[in-house]
Amino acid sequence: MDTDDCTEQQAKDFKDKSMFKGEWFYPYIVPIFDSPDLDSILKTCGLLPKRKIKDDEKVKIYSQVFPIDKSYKKTDAVQLQELVDMLSNINETNLEQFVEYCLACKV
């Protein structure tokens, strides 16, 4: 969740899972958030330029950060572990938890 798309209360309720209370899937929820948004997190990591970029340039960069572009030279697991390492020190996100989960599920 990008926290710039909601109120502070909604962001809090999402992060602490209280918005999911009473739902059958509550025990399985791991809220993943980016404050204020994914672009700012990737800028903090140095993966997106600080300047304003066009959507087509952003798509190209995103496809390199998240390994869907098979022409990228590193293996997916190595690239994703590097992303986890970059994200681990940023308090405004917990996206690394999702990426670590994906790495653990890799067959």
C-alpha atoms as a PDB file:
ATOM      1  CA  MET A   1       0.000   0.000   0.000  1.00  0.00           C
ATOM      2  CA  ASP A   2       1.228   3.457  -0.863  1.00  0.00           C
ATOM      3  CA  THR A   3       0.350   5.506   2.194  1.00  0.00           C
ATOM      4  CA  ASP A   4      -0.107   8.699   0.185  1.00  0.00           C
ATOM      5  CA  ASP A   5      -3.338   7.245  -1.224  1.00  0.00           C
ATOM      6  CA  CYS A   6      -5.162   7.127   2.119  1.00  0.00           C
ATOM      7  CA  THR A   7      -5.689   8.923   5.403  1.00  0.00           C
ATOM      8  CA  GLU A   8      -3.230   8.572   8.293  1.00  0.00           C
ATOM      9  CA  GLN A   9      -5.809   6.496  10.164  1.00  0.00           C
ATOM     10  CA  GLN A  10      -6.299   4.156   7.210  1.00  0.00           C
ATOM     11  CA  ALA A  11      -2.515   3.724   6.910  1.00  0.00           C
ATOM     12  CA  LYS A  12      -2.266   2.940  10.630  1.00  0.00           C
ATOM     13  CA  ASP A  13      -5.157   0.465  10.470  1.00  0.00           C
ATOM     14  CA  PHE A  14      -3.559  -1.215   7.468  1.00  0.00           C
ATOM     15  CA  LYS A  15      -0.093  -1.449   9.005  1.00  0.00           C
ATOM     16  CA  ASP A  16      -1.331  -2.882  12.312  1.00  0.00           C
ATOM     17  CA  LYS A  17      -3.839  -5.172  10.514  1.00  0.00           C
ATOM     18  CA  SER A  18      -6.797  -3.792  12.473  1.00  0.00           C
ATOM     19  CA  MET A  19      -8.700  -3.068   9.237  1.00  0.00           C
ATOM     20  CA  PHE A  20      -8.805  -6.819   8.630  1.00  0.00           C
ATOM     21  CA  LYS A  21     -10.125  -7.830  12.084  1.00  0.00           C
ATOM     22  CA  GLY A  22     -12.923 -10.349  11.847  1.00  0.00           C
ATOM     23  CA  GLU A  23     -11.950 -11.551   8.368  1.00  0.00           C
ATOM     24  CA  TRP A  24     -11.224 -15.264   7.948  1.00  0.00           C
ATOM     25  CA  PHE A  25      -7.851 -14.465   6.353  1.00  0.00           C
ATOM     26  CA  TYR A  26      -6.693 -12.169   9.201  1.00  0.00           C
ATOM     27  CA  PRO A  27      -4.006 -14.583  10.480  1.00  0.00           C
ATOM     28  CA  TYR A  28      -2.422 -14.705   7.027  1.00  0.00           C
ATOM     29  CA  ILE A  29      -2.231 -10.957   6.402  1.00  0.00           C
ATOM     30  CA  VAL A  30       1.188  -9.327   6.268  1.00  0.00           C
ATOM     31  CA  PRO A  31       0.603  -5.674   5.374  1.00  0.00           C
ATOM     32  CA  ILE A  32       3.244  -4.368   2.980  1.00  0.00           C
ATOM     33  CA  PHE A  33       3.537  -0.588   2.793  1.00  0.00           C
ATOM     34  CA  ASP A  34       5.544   2.187   1.180  1.00  0.00           C
ATOM     35  CA  SER A  35       5.492   5.658   2.717  1.00  0.00           C
ATOM     36  CA  PRO A  36       4.640   7.775   0.937  1.00  0.00           C
ATOM     37  CA  ASP A  37       4.886   5.578  -2.196  1.00  0.00           C
ATOM     38  CA  LEU A  38       7.022   3.018  -4.020  1.00  0.00           C
ATOM     39  CA  ASP A  39       8.636   5.650  -6.235  1.00  0.00           C
ATOM     40  CA  SER A  40      10.011   7.541  -3.228  1.00  0.00           C
ATOM     41  CA  ILE A  41      11.360   4.301  -1.732  1.00  0.00           C
ATOM     42  CA  LEU A  42      13.130   3.412  -4.969  1.00  0.00           C
ATOM     43  CA  LYS A  43      14.547   6.940  -5.137  1.00  0.00           C
ATOM     44  CA  THR A  44      15.893   6.524  -1.597  1.00  0.00           C
ATOM     45  CA  CYS A  45      17.582   3.288  -2.710  1.00  0.00           C
ATOM     46  CA  GLY A  46      19.065   5.057  -5.717  1.00  0.00           C
ATOM     47  CA  LEU A  47      17.120   2.855  -8.128  1.00  0.00           C
ATOM     48  CA  LEU A  48      15.020   5.693  -9.534  1.00  0.00           C
ATOM     49  CA  PRO A  49      16.471   9.077 -10.395  1.00  0.00           C
ATOM     50  CA  LYS A  50      15.537  11.965  -8.090  1.00  0.00           C
ATOM     51  CA  ARG A  51      14.257  13.966 -11.061  1.00  0.00           C
ATOM     52  CA  LYS A  52      10.763  13.590 -12.486  1.00  0.00           C
ATOM     53  CA  ILE A  53      10.677  10.804 -15.046  1.00  0.00           C
ATOM     54  CA  LYS A  54       8.205   9.854 -17.748  1.00  0.00           C
ATOM     55  CA  ASP A  55       6.069   6.741 -17.377  1.00  0.00           C
ATOM     56  CA  ASP A  56       7.820   4.870 -20.194  1.00  0.00           C
ATOM     57  CA  GLU A  57      11.204   5.442 -18.538  1.00  0.00           C
ATOM     58  CA  LYS A  58       9.735   4.347 -15.206  1.00  0.00           C
ATOM     59  CA  VAL A  59       8.436   1.114 -16.762  1.00  0.00           C
ATOM     60  CA  LYS A  60      11.916   0.329 -18.076  1.00  0.00           C
ATOM     61  CA  ILE A  61      13.509   0.960 -14.674  1.00  0.00           C
ATOM     62  CA  TYR A  62      10.836  -1.041 -12.817  1.00  0.00           C
ATOM     63  CA  SER A  63      11.367  -4.010 -15.140  1.00  0.00           C
ATOM     64  CA  GLN A  64      15.057  -3.958 -14.194  1.00  0.00           C
ATOM     65  CA  VAL A  65      14.425  -3.573 -10.453  1.00  0.00           C
ATOM     66  CA  PHE A  66      11.788  -6.318 -10.402  1.00  0.00           C
ATOM     67  CA  PRO A  67      13.249  -9.079 -12.589  1.00  0.00           C
ATOM     68  CA  ILE A  68      10.777  -9.560 -15.371  1.00  0.00           C
ATOM     69  CA  ASP A  69      13.189  -8.415 -18.067  1.00  0.00           C
ATOM     70  CA  LYS A  70      15.047 -11.568 -19.112  1.00  0.00           C
ATOM     71  CA  SER A  71      17.769  -9.522 -20.827  1.00  0.00           C
ATOM     72  CA  TYR A  72      19.005  -8.343 -17.424  1.00  0.00           C
ATOM     73  CA  LYS A  73      22.418  -9.851 -16.716  1.00  0.00           C
ATOM     74  CA  LYS A  74      22.043 -10.941 -13.071  1.00  0.00           C
ATOM     75  CA  THR A  75      20.061 -13.919 -11.918  1.00  0.00           C
ATOM     76  CA  ASP A  76      16.672 -13.127 -10.466  1.00  0.00           C
ATOM     77  CA  ALA A  77      17.604 -14.377  -6.987  1.00  0.00           C
ATOM     78  CA  VAL A  78      20.801 -12.320  -6.822  1.00  0.00           C
ATOM     79  CA  GLN A  79      18.995  -9.229  -8.037  1.00  0.00           C
ATOM     80  CA  LEU A  80      16.160  -9.700  -5.560  1.00  0.00           C
ATOM     81  CA  GLN A  81      18.560 -10.266  -2.656  1.00  0.00           C
ATOM     82  CA  GLU A  82      20.303  -7.004  -3.535  1.00  0.00           C
ATOM     83  CA  LEU A  83      16.901  -5.292  -3.442  1.00  0.00           C
ATOM     84  CA  VAL A  84      16.184  -6.819  -0.007  1.00  0.00           C
ATOM     85  CA  ASP A  85      19.524  -5.520   1.249  1.00  0.00           C
ATOM     86  CA  MET A  86      18.762  -2.013  -0.033  1.00  0.00           C
ATOM     87  CA  LEU A  87      15.242  -1.959   1.430  1.00  0.00           C
ATOM     88  CA  SER A  88      16.173  -3.405   4.826  1.00  0.00           C
ATOM     89  CA  ASN A  89      17.492  -0.097   6.154  1.00  0.00           C
ATOM     90  CA  ILE A  90      14.549   2.028   5.045  1.00  0.00           C
ATOM     91  CA  ASN A  91      11.943   2.518   7.777  1.00  0.00           C
ATOM     92  CA  GLU A  92       9.329   3.894   5.377  1.00  0.00           C
ATOM     93  CA  THR A  93       8.728   0.464   3.838  1.00  0.00           C
ATOM     94  CA  ASN A  94       8.639  -3.204   4.687  1.00  0.00           C
ATOM     95  CA  LEU A  95       8.607  -4.362   1.065  1.00  0.00           C
ATOM     96  CA  GLU A  96      11.693  -6.439   1.793  1.00  0.00           C
ATOM     97  CA  GLN A  97       9.470  -8.851   3.730  1.00  0.00           C
ATOM     98  CA  PHE A  98       7.504  -9.610   0.575  1.00  0.00           C
ATOM     99  CA  VAL A  99      10.639  -9.947  -1.544  1.00  0.00           C
ATOM    100  CA  GLU A 100      12.221 -12.261   1.051  1.00  0.00           C
ATOM    101  CA  TYR A 101       9.058 -14.365   1.006  1.00  0.00           C
ATOM    102  CA  CYS A 102       9.252 -14.601  -2.778  1.00  0.00           C
ATOM    103  CA  LEU A 103      12.887 -15.669  -2.554  1.00  0.00           C
ATOM    104  CA  ALA A 104      12.012 -18.338   0.008  1.00  0.00           C
ATOM    105  CA  CYS A 105       9.326 -19.710  -2.328  1.00  0.00           C
ATOM    106  CA  LYS A 106      11.663 -19.907  -5.312  1.00  0.00           C
ATOM    107  CA  VAL A 107      11.774 -23.427  -6.621  1.00  0.00           C
END
